[in-house]
Amino acid sequence: MPETLLKDRDYTIIVAKSESPVLRAIGNAEWRWVTAQLSLVALARKCEEMDPDGITIYISSNETQAIGSFKKYERVSATQIDQVFLENHPPASLDLAAVLQTALCDYFVRKAAAQGKPNGGIIIVMTDGEPDDRMAIAKAIVEATQKMERDEELGVGFVQVGDDAITTGFLHMLDEDLQAAGAKFDIVHTDLLTDLENTDALTQFLLDIVQA
């Protein structure tokens, strides 16, 4: 499928990095996020090719002005990613369901106001662990599909940072089982960070999200 499928879309990236003691105990957690930050710059650069006016980023943050446990940046370019990471330190726990719900709602609000891109949107979540609110995440995605008019309108991609088996199992469930749970369309695609090491892989990942 040509890259034209990826153009004229709004791109949102959610960076869900936690300072959970459980994740720190796994080892090499911080190094994995150094690698993830480099990959995120490359991913943002690819998204920026398709969405030249900049992408929206939600990043986990312990700052008091953050909404919930995430801080929002709009119209971000790839060159600003390092600064976004520098400005924010992760909290001990994350409300991933709430920020994903916010991103999904923003998409449909823009769509209703005719302010969104004609081809729809893509939301990408980078996460290093299984969230506590996993059923709420599944419910938010299922409910979003009920508002969609076509399969390729909206896609949600999850990138796993690290190789925690429980996280892999949860993301596999989101990828494979949501239609059985009532989703109108299959809009989720998941991948490991280690599989997204070059431009071709990033492009294919984005295509897989809209062709989930």
N, C-alpha and C. Protein backbone atom coordinates (compact mmCIF):
# COMPACT_ATOMS: atom_id res chain seq x y z
N MET A 1 0.85 -1.19 0.00
CA MET A 1 0.00 0.00 0.00
C MET A 1 0.90 1.25 0.00
N PRO A 2 0.62 2.20 -0.86
CA PRO A 2 1.48 3.38 -0.97
C PRO A 2 1.42 4.26 0.27
N GLU A 3 2.45 5.09 0.42
CA GLU A 3 2.52 5.99 1.57
C GLU A 3 1.46 7.08 1.53
N THR A 4 0.74 7.20 0.43
CA THR A 4 -0.33 8.20 0.39
C THR A 4 -1.37 7.95 1.48
N LEU A 5 -1.48 6.70 1.94
CA LEU A 5 -2.39 6.39 3.04
C LEU A 5 -2.01 7.14 4.31
N LEU A 6 -0.74 7.49 4.44
CA LEU A 6 -0.25 8.12 5.66
C LEU A 6 -0.30 9.64 5.61
N LYS A 7 -0.55 10.19 4.44
CA LYS A 7 -0.56 11.65 4.30
C LYS A 7 -1.92 12.23 4.69
N ASP A 8 -1.92 13.53 4.94
CA ASP A 8 -3.14 14.24 5.32
C ASP A 8 -3.80 13.62 6.53
N ARG A 9 -2.98 13.32 7.53
CA ARG A 9 -3.47 12.78 8.80
C ARG A 9 -2.90 13.62 9.95
N ASP A 10 -3.60 13.60 11.07
CA ASP A 10 -3.09 14.17 12.31
C ASP A 10 -2.37 13.07 13.08
N TYR A 11 -1.18 13.38 13.58
CA TYR A 11 -0.38 12.40 14.31
C TYR A 11 -0.23 12.82 15.78
N THR A 12 -0.49 11.87 16.66
CA THR A 12 -0.35 12.09 18.10
C THR A 12 0.52 10.98 18.68
N ILE A 13 1.49 11.35 19.51
CA ILE A 13 2.35 10.36 20.16
C ILE A 13 2.22 10.52 21.67
N ILE A 14 1.96 9.42 22.36
CA ILE A 14 1.86 9.39 23.81
C ILE A 14 3.08 8.64 24.34
N VAL A 15 3.88 9.33 25.15
CA VAL A 15 5.09 8.72 25.73
C VAL A 15 4.77 8.36 27.17
N ALA A 16 4.58 7.07 27.43
CA ALA A 16 4.17 6.60 28.75
C ALA A 16 5.36 5.95 29.46
N LYS A 17 6.20 6.79 30.02
CA LYS A 17 7.38 6.33 30.75
C LYS A 17 7.11 6.46 32.24
N SER A 18 7.34 5.38 32.98
CA SER A 18 7.04 5.38 34.40
C SER A 18 8.30 5.20 35.23
N GLU A 19 8.26 5.76 36.44
CA GLU A 19 9.35 5.54 37.40
C GLU A 19 8.96 4.47 38.41
N SER A 20 8.09 3.57 37.99
CA SER A 20 7.64 2.51 38.88
C SER A 20 8.82 1.71 39.43
N PRO A 21 8.86 1.44 40.74
CA PRO A 21 9.94 0.62 41.29
C PRO A 21 10.02 -0.76 40.66
N VAL A 22 8.87 -1.30 40.27
CA VAL A 22 8.84 -2.62 39.63
C VAL A 22 9.62 -2.59 38.33
N LEU A 23 9.40 -1.54 37.53
CA LEU A 23 10.09 -1.43 36.26
C LEU A 23 11.58 -1.16 36.46
N ARG A 24 11.92 -0.35 37.47
CA ARG A 24 13.34 -0.09 37.73
C ARG A 24 14.06 -1.37 38.12
N ALA A 25 13.34 -2.26 38.82
CA ALA A 25 13.95 -3.50 39.28
C ALA A 25 14.27 -4.46 38.14
N ILE A 26 13.60 -4.27 37.00
CA ILE A 26 13.83 -5.14 35.86
C ILE A 26 15.26 -4.99 35.36
N GLY A 27 15.82 -3.79 35.49
CA GLY A 27 17.19 -3.53 35.04
C GLY A 27 17.23 -2.91 33.67
N ASN A 28 18.21 -2.02 33.47
CA ASN A 28 18.42 -1.36 32.18
C ASN A 28 17.22 -0.54 31.71
N ALA A 29 16.31 -0.21 32.63
CA ALA A 29 15.11 0.52 32.23
C ALA A 29 15.46 1.88 31.65
N GLU A 30 16.39 2.59 32.30
CA GLU A 30 16.73 3.92 31.83
C GLU A 30 17.43 3.87 30.48
N TRP A 31 18.29 2.88 30.29
CA TRP A 31 18.98 2.75 29.00
C TRP A 31 17.98 2.47 27.88
N ARG A 32 16.96 1.67 28.17
CA ARG A 32 15.95 1.38 27.15
C ARG A 32 15.27 2.67 26.70
N TRP A 33 15.06 3.61 27.64
CA TRP A 33 14.40 4.86 27.27
C TRP A 33 15.33 5.82 26.54
N VAL A 34 16.63 5.69 26.76
CA VAL A 34 17.58 6.46 25.95
C VAL A 34 17.46 6.02 24.50
N THR A 35 17.41 4.70 24.30
CA THR A 35 17.23 4.16 22.96
C THR A 35 15.87 4.57 22.40
N ALA A 36 14.84 4.52 23.26
CA ALA A 36 13.50 4.88 22.81
C ALA A 36 13.42 6.34 22.38
N GLN A 37 14.14 7.20 23.09
CA GLN A 37 14.14 8.62 22.72
C GLN A 37 14.72 8.82 21.33
N LEU A 38 15.78 8.12 21.01
CA LEU A 38 16.37 8.20 19.68
C LEU A 38 15.38 7.70 18.63
N SER A 39 14.70 6.60 18.94
CA SER A 39 13.72 6.06 18.00
C SER A 39 12.53 6.99 17.85
N LEU A 40 12.16 7.66 18.94
CA LEU A 40 11.04 8.59 18.89
C LEU A 40 11.36 9.77 17.98
N VAL A 41 12.59 10.24 18.01
CA VAL A 41 12.99 11.33 17.11
C VAL A 41 12.82 10.89 15.67
N ALA A 42 13.27 9.67 15.35
CA ALA A 42 13.13 9.14 13.99
C ALA A 42 11.66 8.97 13.62
N LEU A 43 10.86 8.49 14.58
CA LEU A 43 9.43 8.32 14.32
C LEU A 43 8.75 9.66 14.10
N ALA A 44 9.09 10.65 14.93
CA ALA A 44 8.52 11.98 14.78
C ALA A 44 8.91 12.59 13.44
N ARG A 45 10.14 12.34 13.02
CA ARG A 45 10.58 12.85 11.72
C ARG A 45 9.76 12.25 10.58
N LYS A 46 9.47 10.95 10.68
CA LYS A 46 8.64 10.29 9.67
C LYS A 46 7.21 10.84 9.70
N CYS A 47 6.66 11.02 10.90
CA CYS A 47 5.31 11.59 11.01
C CYS A 47 5.27 13.01 10.47
N GLU A 48 6.35 13.75 10.71
CA GLU A 48 6.43 15.13 10.26
C GLU A 48 6.43 15.22 8.74
N GLU A 49 6.99 14.22 8.09
CA GLU A 49 6.94 14.17 6.62
C GLU A 49 5.49 14.13 6.13
N MET A 50 4.66 13.42 6.89
CA MET A 50 3.25 13.26 6.51
C MET A 50 2.37 14.38 7.04
N ASP A 51 2.82 15.01 8.13
CA ASP A 51 2.03 16.05 8.81
C ASP A 51 2.95 17.24 9.08
N PRO A 52 3.24 18.05 8.06
CA PRO A 52 4.27 19.10 8.17
C PRO A 52 3.99 20.17 9.22
N ASP A 53 2.74 20.33 9.66
CA ASP A 53 2.46 21.38 10.63
C ASP A 53 2.75 20.94 12.07
N GLY A 54 3.39 19.80 12.23
CA GLY A 54 3.80 19.36 13.56
C GLY A 54 2.87 18.32 14.16
N ILE A 55 3.38 17.59 15.14
CA ILE A 55 2.61 16.53 15.78
C ILE A 55 2.26 16.93 17.21
N THR A 56 1.30 16.22 17.79
CA THR A 56 0.92 16.43 19.18
C THR A 56 1.59 15.35 20.03
N ILE A 57 2.18 15.76 21.15
CA ILE A 57 2.84 14.81 22.05
C ILE A 57 2.28 14.96 23.46
N TYR A 58 1.94 13.82 24.04
CA TYR A 58 1.64 13.75 25.47
C TYR A 58 2.78 12.96 26.10
N ILE A 59 3.43 13.50 27.12
CA ILE A 59 4.53 12.81 27.77
C ILE A 59 4.27 12.73 29.27
N SER A 60 4.54 11.57 29.85
CA SER A 60 4.33 11.41 31.29
C SER A 60 5.23 12.38 32.04
N SER A 61 4.65 13.00 33.07
CA SER A 61 5.37 14.07 33.76
C SER A 61 4.93 14.17 35.21
N ASN A 62 5.88 14.43 36.10
CA ASN A 62 5.53 14.64 37.51
C ASN A 62 5.37 16.11 37.85
N GLU A 63 5.34 16.97 36.83
CA GLU A 63 5.18 18.40 37.08
C GLU A 63 3.76 18.71 37.54
N THR A 64 3.63 19.70 38.39
CA THR A 64 2.33 20.01 38.97
C THR A 64 1.35 20.54 37.92
N GLN A 65 1.88 21.15 36.85
CA GLN A 65 0.98 21.71 35.85
C GLN A 65 0.54 20.68 34.81
N ALA A 66 1.06 19.45 34.93
CA ALA A 66 0.66 18.40 34.00
C ALA A 66 -0.80 18.03 34.24
N ILE A 67 -1.50 17.67 33.17
CA ILE A 67 -2.89 17.22 33.26
C ILE A 67 -2.87 15.74 33.60
N GLY A 68 -3.35 15.39 34.81
CA GLY A 68 -3.21 14.01 35.24
C GLY A 68 -1.73 13.72 35.42
N SER A 69 -1.24 12.69 34.75
CA SER A 69 0.19 12.37 34.82
C SER A 69 0.88 12.61 33.49
N PHE A 70 0.26 13.41 32.61
CA PHE A 70 0.83 13.68 31.29
C PHE A 70 0.79 15.18 30.98
N LYS A 71 1.79 15.63 30.23
CA LYS A 71 1.86 17.01 29.79
C LYS A 71 1.73 17.03 28.26
N LYS A 72 0.97 17.99 27.76
CA LYS A 72 0.66 18.04 26.33
C LYS A 72 1.48 19.12 25.62
N TYR A 73 2.01 18.74 24.46
CA TYR A 73 2.70 19.69 23.58
C TYR A 73 2.07 19.60 22.19
N GLU A 74 1.81 20.72 21.58
CA GLU A 74 1.20 20.74 20.25
C GLU A 74 2.17 21.31 19.22
N ARG A 75 1.97 20.88 17.97
CA ARG A 75 2.78 21.33 16.83
C ARG A 75 4.28 21.15 17.11
N VAL A 76 4.64 19.96 17.56
CA VAL A 76 6.02 19.64 17.89
C VAL A 76 6.74 19.13 16.64
N SER A 77 7.96 19.57 16.45
CA SER A 77 8.80 19.06 15.36
C SER A 77 9.78 18.04 15.93
N ALA A 78 10.37 17.25 15.05
CA ALA A 78 11.31 16.23 15.49
C ALA A 78 12.50 16.84 16.23
N THR A 79 12.87 18.06 15.85
CA THR A 79 14.03 18.71 16.48
C THR A 79 13.74 19.14 17.92
N GLN A 80 12.48 19.12 18.32
CA GLN A 80 12.11 19.54 19.68
C GLN A 80 11.94 18.37 20.65
N ILE A 81 12.04 17.14 20.16
CA ILE A 81 11.77 15.96 20.98
C ILE A 81 12.72 15.89 22.18
N ASP A 82 14.01 16.10 21.96
CA ASP A 82 14.98 16.00 23.05
C ASP A 82 14.65 16.99 24.17
N GLN A 83 14.22 18.20 23.80
CA GLN A 83 13.87 19.21 24.79
C GLN A 83 12.63 18.79 25.58
N VAL A 84 11.66 18.19 24.90
CA VAL A 84 10.45 17.71 25.57
C VAL A 84 10.81 16.67 26.63
N PHE A 85 11.71 15.75 26.29
CA PHE A 85 12.17 14.76 27.27
C PHE A 85 12.90 15.42 28.43
N LEU A 86 13.73 16.40 28.11
CA LEU A 86 14.53 17.07 29.13
C LEU A 86 13.66 17.80 30.15
N GLU A 87 12.54 18.33 29.70
CA GLU A 87 11.67 19.13 30.56
C GLU A 87 10.79 18.30 31.48
N ASN A 88 10.73 16.99 31.25
CA ASN A 88 9.76 16.18 31.99
C ASN A 88 10.40 14.94 32.61
N HIS A 89 10.07 14.72 33.87
CA HIS A 89 10.52 13.53 34.58
C HIS A 89 9.29 12.66 34.88
N PRO A 90 9.42 11.36 34.68
CA PRO A 90 8.23 10.50 34.80
C PRO A 90 7.72 10.38 36.22
N PRO A 91 6.42 10.21 36.37
CA PRO A 91 5.82 10.01 37.69
C PRO A 91 5.92 8.55 38.12
N ALA A 92 5.53 8.28 39.36
CA ALA A 92 5.58 6.92 39.87
C ALA A 92 4.50 6.04 39.26
N SER A 93 3.39 6.64 38.85
CA SER A 93 2.30 5.87 38.24
C SER A 93 1.68 6.68 37.11
N LEU A 94 1.05 5.97 36.19
CA LEU A 94 0.50 6.60 35.00
C LEU A 94 -1.00 6.33 34.88
N ASP A 95 -1.73 7.32 34.40
CA ASP A 95 -3.14 7.13 34.06
C ASP A 95 -3.22 7.09 32.54
N LEU A 96 -2.77 5.97 31.96
CA LEU A 96 -2.70 5.87 30.51
C LEU A 96 -4.08 5.89 29.87
N ALA A 97 -5.05 5.28 30.52
CA ALA A 97 -6.40 5.26 29.96
C ALA A 97 -6.94 6.67 29.79
N ALA A 98 -6.70 7.53 30.77
CA ALA A 98 -7.23 8.90 30.72
C ALA A 98 -6.61 9.69 29.58
N VAL A 99 -5.28 9.57 29.40
CA VAL A 99 -4.64 10.35 28.34
C VAL A 99 -5.00 9.80 26.97
N LEU A 100 -5.15 8.48 26.87
CA LEU A 100 -5.58 7.91 25.59
C LEU A 100 -7.01 8.36 25.26
N GLN A 101 -7.87 8.36 26.26
CA GLN A 101 -9.24 8.84 26.06
C GLN A 101 -9.25 10.30 25.63
N THR A 102 -8.37 11.11 26.22
CA THR A 102 -8.27 12.52 25.84
C THR A 102 -7.85 12.66 24.39
N ALA A 103 -6.85 11.90 23.98
CA ALA A 103 -6.37 11.96 22.60
C ALA A 103 -7.44 11.51 21.62
N LEU A 104 -8.18 10.47 21.96
CA LEU A 104 -9.26 9.99 21.10
C LEU A 104 -10.38 11.03 21.01
N CYS A 105 -10.75 11.61 22.15
CA CYS A 105 -11.80 12.63 22.16
C CYS A 105 -11.39 13.85 21.34
N ASP A 106 -10.13 14.26 21.47
CA ASP A 106 -9.63 15.40 20.69
C ASP A 106 -9.78 15.13 19.19
N TYR A 107 -9.49 13.89 18.80
CA TYR A 107 -9.62 13.55 17.38
C TYR A 107 -11.05 13.74 16.90
N PHE A 108 -12.01 13.21 17.66
CA PHE A 108 -13.40 13.29 17.22
C PHE A 108 -13.97 14.71 17.32
N VAL A 109 -13.49 15.48 18.29
CA VAL A 109 -13.90 16.89 18.38
C VAL A 109 -13.44 17.65 17.14
N ARG A 110 -12.16 17.46 16.76
CA ARG A 110 -11.65 18.12 15.57
C ARG A 110 -12.39 17.66 14.32
N LYS A 111 -12.70 16.39 14.26
CA LYS A 111 -13.43 15.85 13.11
C LYS A 111 -14.80 16.50 13.00
N ALA A 112 -15.51 16.60 14.12
CA ALA A 112 -16.85 17.19 14.12
C ALA A 112 -16.83 18.65 13.73
N ALA A 113 -15.74 19.34 14.06
CA ALA A 113 -15.60 20.77 13.73
C ALA A 113 -14.96 20.98 12.37
N ALA A 114 -14.74 19.89 11.64
CA ALA A 114 -14.09 19.95 10.33
C ALA A 114 -12.71 20.58 10.41
N GLN A 115 -12.01 20.32 11.51
CA GLN A 115 -10.67 20.86 11.71
C GLN A 115 -9.58 19.80 11.58
N GLY A 116 -9.98 18.54 11.41
CA GLY A 116 -9.01 17.47 11.30
C GLY A 116 -8.55 17.28 9.87
N LYS A 117 -7.53 16.45 9.69
CA LYS A 117 -7.03 16.14 8.36
C LYS A 117 -8.00 15.21 7.63
N PRO A 118 -8.08 15.32 6.31
CA PRO A 118 -9.09 14.55 5.56
C PRO A 118 -8.96 13.03 5.66
N ASN A 119 -7.73 12.53 5.83
CA ASN A 119 -7.55 11.08 5.89
C ASN A 119 -7.70 10.50 7.28
N GLY A 120 -7.83 11.36 8.31
CA GLY A 120 -8.03 10.85 9.66
C GLY A 120 -6.83 11.09 10.56
N GLY A 121 -6.56 10.14 11.43
CA GLY A 121 -5.49 10.31 12.40
C GLY A 121 -4.82 9.01 12.80
N ILE A 122 -3.65 9.15 13.40
CA ILE A 122 -2.91 8.02 13.96
C ILE A 122 -2.43 8.43 15.35
N ILE A 123 -2.68 7.57 16.33
CA ILE A 123 -2.21 7.77 17.70
C ILE A 123 -1.22 6.66 18.02
N ILE A 124 -0.03 7.05 18.49
CA ILE A 124 1.01 6.08 18.80
C ILE A 124 1.34 6.17 20.29
N VAL A 125 1.35 5.03 20.96
CA VAL A 125 1.65 4.98 22.39
C VAL A 125 2.95 4.20 22.59
N MET A 126 3.94 4.86 23.21
CA MET A 126 5.19 4.18 23.59
C MET A 126 5.11 3.89 25.08
N THR A 127 5.22 2.62 25.47
CA THR A 127 5.04 2.26 26.87
C THR A 127 6.06 1.21 27.29
N ASP A 128 6.42 1.24 28.58
CA ASP A 128 7.42 0.31 29.08
C ASP A 128 6.87 -0.70 30.05
N GLY A 129 5.55 -0.71 30.23
CA GLY A 129 4.99 -1.67 31.18
C GLY A 129 3.49 -1.81 31.02
N GLU A 130 2.95 -2.81 31.68
CA GLU A 130 1.50 -3.04 31.64
C GLU A 130 0.82 -2.01 32.53
N PRO A 131 -0.11 -1.23 32.00
CA PRO A 131 -0.79 -0.22 32.82
C PRO A 131 -1.78 -0.85 33.80
N ASP A 132 -2.03 -0.16 34.89
CA ASP A 132 -3.00 -0.65 35.87
C ASP A 132 -4.42 -0.60 35.32
N ASP A 133 -4.67 0.35 34.42
CA ASP A 133 -6.04 0.59 33.92
C ASP A 133 -6.25 -0.08 32.56
N ARG A 134 -5.81 -1.32 32.42
CA ARG A 134 -5.81 -1.96 31.11
C ARG A 134 -7.22 -2.15 30.53
N MET A 135 -8.20 -2.50 31.38
CA MET A 135 -9.55 -2.69 30.85
C MET A 135 -10.16 -1.36 30.41
N ALA A 136 -9.80 -0.28 31.08
CA ALA A 136 -10.28 1.04 30.68
C ALA A 136 -9.69 1.44 29.33
N ILE A 137 -8.44 1.03 29.09
CA ILE A 137 -7.80 1.30 27.80
C ILE A 137 -8.53 0.56 26.69
N ALA A 138 -8.81 -0.72 26.91
CA ALA A 138 -9.54 -1.50 25.92
C ALA A 138 -10.92 -0.90 25.65
N LYS A 139 -11.61 -0.49 26.71
CA LYS A 139 -12.94 0.10 26.57
C LYS A 139 -12.89 1.39 25.77
N ALA A 140 -11.88 2.23 26.02
CA ALA A 140 -11.76 3.50 25.30
C ALA A 140 -11.58 3.27 23.81
N ILE A 141 -10.79 2.26 23.44
CA ILE A 141 -10.55 1.97 22.02
C ILE A 141 -11.81 1.41 21.39
N VAL A 142 -12.47 0.48 22.06
CA VAL A 142 -13.71 -0.10 21.53
C VAL A 142 -14.75 0.99 21.29
N GLU A 143 -14.91 1.89 22.26
CA GLU A 143 -15.91 2.96 22.11
C GLU A 143 -15.53 3.91 20.98
N ALA A 144 -14.23 4.14 20.78
CA ALA A 144 -13.80 5.01 19.69
C ALA A 144 -14.17 4.42 18.34
N THR A 145 -14.06 3.11 18.20
CA THR A 145 -14.38 2.47 16.91
C THR A 145 -15.85 2.64 16.55
N GLN A 146 -16.70 2.78 17.57
CA GLN A 146 -18.13 2.94 17.31
C GLN A 146 -18.44 4.30 16.67
N LYS A 147 -17.52 5.25 16.81
CA LYS A 147 -17.72 6.59 16.25
C LYS A 147 -17.10 6.72 14.86
N MET A 148 -16.39 5.69 14.43
CA MET A 148 -15.69 5.76 13.15
C MET A 148 -16.60 5.43 11.98
N GLU A 149 -16.30 6.01 10.83
CA GLU A 149 -17.09 5.77 9.63
C GLU A 149 -16.44 4.76 8.70
N ARG A 150 -15.12 4.60 8.80
CA ARG A 150 -14.42 3.66 7.93
C ARG A 150 -13.20 3.12 8.66
N ASP A 151 -12.76 1.95 8.25
CA ASP A 151 -11.71 1.22 8.95
C ASP A 151 -10.39 1.98 9.00
N GLU A 152 -10.01 2.65 7.91
CA GLU A 152 -8.70 3.29 7.83
C GLU A 152 -8.71 4.74 8.33
N GLU A 153 -9.82 5.15 8.92
CA GLU A 153 -9.93 6.54 9.39
C GLU A 153 -9.00 6.82 10.56
N LEU A 154 -8.90 5.88 11.49
CA LEU A 154 -8.14 6.10 12.72
C LEU A 154 -7.41 4.82 13.10
N GLY A 155 -6.16 4.96 13.50
CA GLY A 155 -5.39 3.81 13.95
C GLY A 155 -4.67 4.13 15.24
N VAL A 156 -4.49 3.10 16.08
CA VAL A 156 -3.77 3.25 17.34
C VAL A 156 -2.63 2.23 17.36
N GLY A 157 -1.40 2.72 17.43
CA GLY A 157 -0.24 1.86 17.45
C GLY A 157 0.44 1.88 18.82
N PHE A 158 0.80 0.71 19.32
CA PHE A 158 1.52 0.61 20.58
C PHE A 158 2.94 0.11 20.32
N VAL A 159 3.92 0.83 20.86
CA VAL A 159 5.31 0.44 20.75
C VAL A 159 5.78 0.03 22.14
N GLN A 160 6.20 -1.22 22.29
CA GLN A 160 6.67 -1.70 23.59
C GLN A 160 8.15 -1.41 23.76
N VAL A 161 8.48 -0.68 24.82
CA VAL A 161 9.87 -0.40 25.17
C VAL A 161 10.30 -1.46 26.18
N GLY A 162 11.24 -2.31 25.81
CA GLY A 162 11.63 -3.43 26.65
C GLY A 162 10.93 -4.70 26.22
N ASP A 163 11.08 -5.75 27.02
CA ASP A 163 10.56 -7.05 26.62
C ASP A 163 9.79 -7.75 27.74
N ASP A 164 9.15 -6.96 28.60
CA ASP A 164 8.36 -7.54 29.68
C ASP A 164 7.25 -8.40 29.11
N ALA A 165 7.19 -9.67 29.52
CA ALA A 165 6.25 -10.63 28.94
C ALA A 165 4.79 -10.28 29.24
N ILE A 166 4.51 -9.75 30.42
CA ILE A 166 3.14 -9.39 30.77
C ILE A 166 2.64 -8.24 29.89
N THR A 167 3.52 -7.27 29.66
CA THR A 167 3.18 -6.16 28.77
C THR A 167 2.92 -6.67 27.36
N THR A 168 3.76 -7.57 26.89
CA THR A 168 3.58 -8.14 25.56
C THR A 168 2.22 -8.81 25.44
N GLY A 169 1.84 -9.55 26.47
CA GLY A 169 0.55 -10.23 26.45
C GLY A 169 -0.62 -9.27 26.40
N PHE A 170 -0.52 -8.18 27.17
CA PHE A 170 -1.60 -7.19 27.17
C PHE A 170 -1.72 -6.52 25.81
N LEU A 171 -0.59 -6.14 25.23
CA LEU A 171 -0.63 -5.48 23.92
C LEU A 171 -1.13 -6.44 22.84
N HIS A 172 -0.78 -7.71 22.96
CA HIS A 172 -1.29 -8.70 22.00
C HIS A 172 -2.81 -8.79 22.09
N MET A 173 -3.34 -8.71 23.30
CA MET A 173 -4.80 -8.73 23.47
C MET A 173 -5.44 -7.54 22.77
N LEU A 174 -4.84 -6.35 22.92
CA LEU A 174 -5.38 -5.17 22.25
C LEU A 174 -5.33 -5.33 20.73
N ASP A 175 -4.28 -5.97 20.24
CA ASP A 175 -4.08 -6.14 18.81
C ASP A 175 -5.05 -7.15 18.21
N GLU A 176 -5.35 -8.20 18.96
CA GLU A 176 -6.05 -9.34 18.37
C GLU A 176 -7.50 -9.55 18.84
N ASP A 177 -7.85 -9.05 20.02
CA ASP A 177 -9.10 -9.50 20.63
C ASP A 177 -10.19 -8.45 20.77
N LEU A 178 -9.95 -7.21 20.33
CA LEU A 178 -10.93 -6.17 20.62
C LEU A 178 -12.21 -6.29 19.80
N GLN A 179 -12.13 -6.87 18.61
CA GLN A 179 -13.36 -7.04 17.84
C GLN A 179 -14.29 -8.03 18.54
N ALA A 180 -13.72 -9.04 19.16
CA ALA A 180 -14.53 -9.98 19.93
C ALA A 180 -15.15 -9.29 21.14
N ALA A 181 -14.53 -8.18 21.58
CA ALA A 181 -15.05 -7.42 22.72
C ALA A 181 -16.01 -6.32 22.28
N GLY A 182 -16.31 -6.25 20.98
CA GLY A 182 -17.30 -5.30 20.50
C GLY A 182 -16.79 -4.18 19.63
N ALA A 183 -15.50 -4.17 19.30
CA ALA A 183 -14.96 -3.11 18.44
C ALA A 183 -15.55 -3.22 17.04
N LYS A 184 -15.91 -2.09 16.49
CA LYS A 184 -16.49 -2.04 15.15
C LYS A 184 -15.43 -2.35 14.09
N PHE A 185 -14.20 -1.86 14.33
CA PHE A 185 -13.08 -2.10 13.43
C PHE A 185 -11.87 -2.54 14.25
N ASP A 186 -10.95 -3.22 13.58
CA ASP A 186 -9.66 -3.55 14.20
C ASP A 186 -8.71 -2.39 13.91
N ILE A 187 -8.46 -1.55 14.91
CA ILE A 187 -7.66 -0.33 14.67
C ILE A 187 -6.33 -0.34 15.41
N VAL A 188 -6.00 -1.45 16.08
CA VAL A 188 -4.79 -1.50 16.90
C VAL A 188 -3.71 -2.36 16.25
N HIS A 189 -2.50 -1.84 16.25
CA HIS A 189 -1.33 -2.61 15.84
C HIS A 189 -0.23 -2.39 16.86
N THR A 190 0.49 -3.46 17.22
CA THR A 190 1.54 -3.35 18.21
C THR A 190 2.87 -3.84 17.64
N ASP A 191 3.95 -3.30 18.19
CA ASP A 191 5.28 -3.70 17.74
C ASP A 191 6.27 -3.46 18.87
N LEU A 192 7.42 -4.13 18.78
CA LEU A 192 8.51 -3.91 19.72
C LEU A 192 9.39 -2.78 19.23
N LEU A 193 9.91 -2.01 20.16
CA LEU A 193 10.81 -0.91 19.79
C LEU A 193 11.99 -1.43 18.98
N THR A 194 12.49 -2.59 19.34
CA THR A 194 13.67 -3.15 18.67
C THR A 194 13.41 -3.50 17.21
N ASP A 195 12.14 -3.59 16.84
CA ASP A 195 11.80 -3.91 15.44
C ASP A 195 11.67 -2.66 14.58
N LEU A 196 11.85 -1.48 15.18
CA LEU A 196 11.65 -0.23 14.45
C LEU A 196 12.97 0.54 14.35
N GLU A 197 13.97 -0.11 13.80
CA GLU A 197 15.31 0.46 13.83
C GLU A 197 15.72 1.18 12.56
N ASN A 198 14.87 1.22 11.54
CA ASN A 198 15.23 1.94 10.32
C ASN A 198 13.99 2.59 9.73
N THR A 199 14.20 3.44 8.76
CA THR A 199 13.11 4.22 8.17
C THR A 199 12.06 3.32 7.52
N ASP A 200 12.50 2.29 6.84
CA ASP A 200 11.54 1.39 6.19
C ASP A 200 10.65 0.71 7.22
N ALA A 201 11.23 0.31 8.35
CA ALA A 201 10.45 -0.33 9.39
C ALA A 201 9.45 0.64 10.01
N LEU A 202 9.84 1.90 10.18
CA LEU A 202 8.93 2.91 10.71
C LEU A 202 7.76 3.15 9.77
N THR A 203 8.07 3.23 8.48
CA THR A 203 7.01 3.43 7.49
C THR A 203 6.03 2.26 7.51
N GLN A 204 6.57 1.05 7.56
CA GLN A 204 5.71 -0.13 7.57
C GLN A 204 4.87 -0.18 8.84
N PHE A 205 5.45 0.23 9.96
CA PHE A 205 4.71 0.28 11.22
C PHE A 205 3.51 1.21 11.10
N LEU A 206 3.72 2.38 10.55
CA LEU A 206 2.61 3.34 10.38
C LEU A 206 1.55 2.79 9.43
N LEU A 207 1.98 2.14 8.36
CA LEU A 207 1.03 1.53 7.44
C LEU A 207 0.26 0.40 8.11
N ASP A 208 0.95 -0.38 8.92
CA ASP A 208 0.27 -1.47 9.62
C ASP A 208 -0.79 -0.95 10.60
N ILE A 209 -0.55 0.23 11.16
CA ILE A 209 -1.54 0.80 12.08
C ILE A 209 -2.85 1.09 11.33
N VAL A 210 -2.76 1.68 10.16
CA VAL A 210 -4.00 2.02 9.45
C VAL A 210 -4.57 0.84 8.69
N GLN A 211 -3.81 -0.24 8.59
CA GLN A 211 -4.29 -1.45 7.93
C GLN A 211 -4.48 -2.58 8.92
N ALA A 212 -4.58 -2.24 10.22
CA ALA A 212 -4.62 -3.26 11.29
C ALA A 212 -5.71 -4.29 11.04
